[in-house]
Amino acid sequence: MTDAPRARVIAIDAVAPTRVTLRAAVDTLRAGGVVALPTETFYGLAVPALDAGSVRRLFELKGRPDSKPLLILVDSVAMAETVACVTAAARDLMMRYWPGALTLVLPARARVPSVVTAGTGTLGLRLSPHPIARGLVELLGEPVTAPSANPSGLAPPTTAAGVLAYFPDGVDLVLDGGATPGGEPSTVLDLTVDPPRVLRQGAVAVRDLDPRGGSIKTSRASSR
């Protein structure tokens, strides 16, 4: 009986990733593989967001309930508009807070697989400021999902070694950009309801989104 292949690990500069290294990650994604990469908080697991088969593999790998939608990463407002219906209010927030720690929930376009939205018809989007995460999306030319690189319910890792400890043979490529700082996740703001609702309070404070108070509601819990 042969052992399952272990993930390939490539060292990458977290500040100025080279196109050659990012190309290896893009090739892995296009071949149906899963890529672990550093973000501005934790390591995440990336697959093409519009590839339903790859997304299902990601759910299985993490043991993630299929009732829980995924947030996706884009590289621009223009890319966001290809997968979601972007309102004027959403565009204004994107211009103010992207790249950054604000995820916006918008109506999903029909091309987005239902496995990504968990059948909700809505989609959470963010533009990461991390050079590796953003560079990967730019080079791939389409959105990726990048939930934290841990089995569902466990603590997210801040190192490539932590990813490998969780997934010694379930991830195809690990981009080792050194330790990430951890910290608060992105704030998730649902713009599909009126008034908008904060589904998850994170690095962007509600008072900054709603300086006068009263125009944004908050939720204690979120399916995202």
Protein backbone atom coordinates (compact mmCIF):
# COMPACT_ATOMS: atom_id res chain seq x y z
CA MET A 1 0.00 0.00 0.00
CA THR A 2 1.48 3.38 -1.01
CA ASP A 3 1.23 6.50 1.09
CA ALA A 4 -0.85 9.42 -0.18
CA PRO A 5 1.32 12.15 -1.71
CA ARG A 6 2.29 14.92 0.68
CA ALA A 7 1.73 18.54 -0.13
CA ARG A 8 4.44 20.33 -2.06
CA VAL A 9 5.83 23.30 -0.12
CA ILE A 10 7.27 26.37 -1.85
CA ALA A 11 8.86 29.26 0.03
CA ILE A 12 7.47 32.61 -1.10
CA ASP A 13 8.23 36.22 -0.24
CA ALA A 14 5.18 37.51 1.64
CA VAL A 15 5.95 41.12 0.74
CA ALA A 16 6.97 40.76 -2.92
CA PRO A 17 5.91 37.34 -4.24
CA THR A 18 7.41 36.44 -7.59
CA ARG A 19 5.26 35.74 -10.60
CA VAL A 20 7.03 32.39 -11.08
CA THR A 21 5.97 31.18 -7.64
CA LEU A 22 2.43 32.48 -8.02
CA ARG A 23 2.27 30.76 -11.43
CA ALA A 24 2.94 27.41 -9.74
CA ALA A 25 -0.04 28.06 -7.48
CA VAL A 26 -2.25 29.08 -10.41
CA ASP A 27 -1.28 25.92 -12.31
CA THR A 28 -2.20 23.86 -9.24
CA LEU A 29 -5.60 25.53 -8.99
CA ARG A 30 -6.33 25.07 -12.68
CA ALA A 31 -5.48 21.37 -12.35
CA GLY A 32 -8.14 21.00 -9.66
CA GLY A 33 -5.78 21.23 -6.69
CA VAL A 34 -6.03 22.98 -3.33
CA VAL A 35 -3.48 25.67 -2.43
CA ALA A 36 -2.72 26.83 1.11
CA LEU A 37 -1.51 30.41 1.33
CA PRO A 38 -0.89 33.12 3.92
CA THR A 39 -3.31 36.00 4.31
CA GLU A 40 -3.15 39.08 6.50
CA THR A 41 -4.47 37.04 9.46
CA PHE A 42 -4.18 33.25 9.06
CA TYR A 43 -3.35 30.69 6.39
CA GLY A 44 -6.23 29.93 4.04
CA LEU A 45 -7.19 27.23 1.54
CA ALA A 46 -7.75 28.46 -1.99
CA VAL A 47 -9.69 26.91 -4.86
CA PRO A 48 -11.34 28.64 -7.84
CA ALA A 49 -14.68 29.93 -6.59
CA LEU A 50 -16.50 29.18 -9.85
CA ASP A 51 -15.36 25.54 -9.99
CA ALA A 52 -18.09 23.61 -8.17
CA GLY A 53 -16.06 20.39 -8.08
CA SER A 54 -13.07 22.08 -6.45
CA VAL A 55 -15.32 23.83 -3.95
CA ARG A 56 -16.93 20.51 -2.98
CA ARG A 57 -13.46 19.03 -2.46
CA LEU A 58 -12.65 21.94 -0.17
CA PHE A 59 -15.79 21.34 1.89
CA GLU A 60 -14.88 17.66 2.25
CA LEU A 61 -11.29 18.49 3.19
CA LYS A 62 -12.33 20.87 5.95
CA GLY A 63 -15.33 18.85 7.08
CA ARG A 64 -17.32 22.04 6.60
CA PRO A 65 -21.14 21.84 6.67
CA ASP A 66 -22.56 22.44 3.20
CA SER A 67 -25.14 24.74 4.79
CA LYS A 68 -22.40 27.27 5.52
CA PRO A 69 -21.61 29.61 2.59
CA LEU A 70 -18.06 30.54 1.65
CA LEU A 71 -16.59 34.01 1.41
CA ILE A 72 -14.55 34.69 -1.71
CA LEU A 73 -11.61 36.89 -2.65
CA VAL A 74 -11.57 39.19 -5.69
CA ASP A 75 -8.85 41.46 -7.04
CA SER A 76 -10.96 44.50 -7.91
CA VAL A 77 -14.40 46.06 -7.97
CA ALA A 78 -14.61 45.02 -11.62
CA MET A 79 -14.10 41.36 -10.70
CA ALA A 80 -16.68 41.67 -7.93
CA GLU A 81 -19.20 42.85 -10.52
CA THR A 82 -18.73 39.64 -12.54
CA VAL A 83 -19.99 37.47 -9.67
CA ALA A 84 -22.30 39.76 -7.68
CA CYS A 85 -24.82 42.54 -8.24
CA VAL A 86 -22.88 45.53 -6.95
CA THR A 87 -25.03 48.45 -5.83
CA ALA A 88 -23.93 52.07 -5.60
CA ALA A 89 -23.74 51.76 -1.81
CA ALA A 90 -21.59 48.64 -2.12
CA ARG A 91 -19.29 50.31 -4.62
CA ASP A 92 -18.82 53.25 -2.26
CA LEU A 93 -17.83 50.92 0.59
CA MET A 94 -15.46 49.01 -1.70
CA MET A 95 -13.72 52.23 -2.67
CA ARG A 96 -13.40 53.24 1.00
CA TYR A 97 -12.33 49.95 2.56
CA TRP A 98 -10.80 47.75 -0.16
CA PRO A 99 -8.28 46.28 -0.07
CA GLY A 100 -9.01 45.57 3.55
CA ALA A 101 -10.90 43.69 6.22
CA LEU A 102 -14.46 44.32 5.05
CA THR A 103 -16.51 41.53 3.48
CA LEU A 104 -19.67 42.64 1.69
CA VAL A 105 -22.62 40.29 1.15
CA LEU A 106 -24.43 40.96 -2.13
CA PRO A 107 -26.84 39.12 -4.45
CA ALA A 108 -24.88 36.46 -6.35
CA ARG A 109 -24.98 36.24 -10.12
CA ALA A 110 -26.27 33.04 -11.72
CA ARG A 111 -22.77 31.86 -12.68
CA VAL A 112 -21.79 31.36 -9.02
CA PRO A 113 -22.24 27.69 -8.00
CA SER A 114 -24.89 27.11 -5.35
CA VAL A 115 -22.34 25.15 -3.29
CA VAL A 116 -20.51 28.45 -2.71
CA THR A 117 -23.63 30.33 -1.59
CA ALA A 118 -25.17 27.34 0.25
CA GLY A 119 -28.32 28.03 -1.74
CA THR A 120 -28.79 31.49 -0.24
CA GLY A 121 -28.44 33.35 -3.52
CA THR A 122 -26.03 35.75 -1.82
CA LEU A 123 -22.27 36.02 -1.88
CA GLY A 124 -19.68 37.48 0.49
CA LEU A 125 -16.74 39.21 -1.21
CA ARG A 126 -13.51 40.78 -0.06
CA LEU A 127 -10.33 42.19 -1.58
CA SER A 128 -7.38 41.06 0.52
CA PRO A 129 -4.48 43.48 1.03
CA HIS A 130 -2.01 40.59 1.36
CA PRO A 131 0.37 40.53 -1.64
CA ILE A 132 0.21 36.73 -2.01
CA ALA A 133 -3.57 36.39 -1.77
CA ARG A 134 -4.21 39.37 -4.02
CA GLY A 135 -1.48 38.40 -6.47
CA LEU A 136 -2.85 34.88 -6.80
CA VAL A 137 -6.34 36.14 -7.66
CA GLU A 138 -4.93 38.63 -10.15
CA LEU A 139 -2.84 36.01 -11.93
CA LEU A 140 -5.62 33.42 -11.93
CA GLY A 141 -8.02 36.00 -13.34
CA GLU A 142 -11.02 34.82 -11.32
CA PRO A 143 -12.17 34.77 -7.69
CA VAL A 144 -10.98 32.18 -5.20
CA THR A 145 -12.39 30.89 -1.96
CA ALA A 146 -9.94 31.04 0.91
CA PRO A 147 -11.43 29.87 4.22
CA SER A 148 -8.98 29.31 7.03
CA ALA A 149 -6.72 26.27 6.60
CA ASN A 150 -8.09 24.16 9.42
CA PRO A 151 -10.64 21.38 9.87
CA SER A 152 -14.00 22.93 10.75
CA GLY A 153 -14.14 23.85 14.42
CA LEU A 154 -10.39 23.91 15.07
CA ALA A 155 -8.08 26.89 15.47
CA PRO A 156 -6.79 28.42 12.22
CA PRO A 157 -3.02 28.09 11.64
CA THR A 158 -0.57 30.97 11.37
CA THR A 159 2.27 28.95 9.79
CA ALA A 160 2.79 26.55 6.90
CA ALA A 161 3.80 23.90 9.46
CA GLY A 162 0.41 24.33 11.09
CA VAL A 163 -1.30 23.72 7.75
CA LEU A 164 0.70 20.53 7.20
CA ALA A 165 -0.10 19.32 10.71
CA TYR A 166 -3.80 19.55 9.89
CA PHE A 167 -3.57 18.36 6.28
CA PRO A 168 -0.44 16.23 5.74
CA ASP A 169 -1.80 14.85 2.48
CA GLY A 170 -5.02 16.73 1.67
CA VAL A 171 -3.49 19.92 0.26
CA ASP A 172 -1.63 19.94 -3.06
CA LEU A 173 0.57 23.02 -2.60
CA VAL A 174 1.53 25.13 0.40
CA LEU A 175 2.92 28.61 -0.20
CA ASP A 176 5.15 29.19 2.83
CA GLY A 177 5.32 32.92 3.39
CA GLY A 178 6.33 32.71 7.03
CA ALA A 179 4.20 33.32 10.09
CA THR A 180 1.04 35.41 9.81
CA PRO A 181 -0.07 37.74 12.62
CA GLY A 182 -3.48 36.23 13.36
CA GLY A 183 -5.88 38.77 14.79
CA GLU A 184 -9.47 39.66 14.05
CA PRO A 185 -11.21 38.38 10.90
CA SER A 186 -12.91 40.66 8.43
CA THR A 187 -16.14 42.42 9.35
CA VAL A 188 -19.04 40.96 7.34
CA LEU A 189 -21.73 43.43 6.25
CA ASP A 190 -24.91 42.17 4.57
CA LEU A 191 -26.13 44.67 1.98
CA THR A 192 -28.96 42.46 0.72
CA VAL A 193 -31.22 43.69 3.54
CA ASP A 194 -32.45 47.17 4.47
CA PRO A 195 -31.05 48.46 6.71
CA PRO A 196 -27.73 46.67 6.18
CA ARG A 197 -26.78 44.19 8.90
CA VAL A 198 -23.39 43.33 10.37
CA LEU A 199 -23.22 39.53 10.37
CA ARG A 200 -19.77 39.35 11.93
CA GLN A 201 -17.98 42.08 13.82
CA GLY A 202 -14.28 42.08 12.98
CA ALA A 203 -11.36 44.33 12.17
CA VAL A 204 -13.48 47.15 10.70
CA ALA A 205 -15.48 48.75 13.52
CA VAL A 206 -19.22 49.20 13.13
CA ARG A 207 -18.87 52.80 14.31
CA ASP A 208 -16.64 53.47 11.30
CA LEU A 209 -19.20 52.01 8.91
CA ASP A 210 -22.06 53.84 10.63
CA PRO A 211 -20.62 56.98 12.26
CA ARG A 212 -24.02 58.56 12.92
CA GLY A 213 -25.52 55.36 14.29
CA GLY A 214 -28.84 53.71 13.52
CA SER A 215 -28.42 52.93 9.81
CA ILE A 216 -26.72 49.54 10.30
CA LYS A 217 -27.98 46.70 12.48
CA THR A 218 -25.83 44.06 14.16
CA SER A 219 -26.28 40.32 14.58
CA ARG A 220 -24.94 38.18 17.38
CA ALA A 221 -24.39 35.14 15.16
CA SER A 222 -23.89 34.41 11.50
CA SER A 223 -24.02 31.37 9.21
CA ARG A 224 -20.96 32.83 7.48
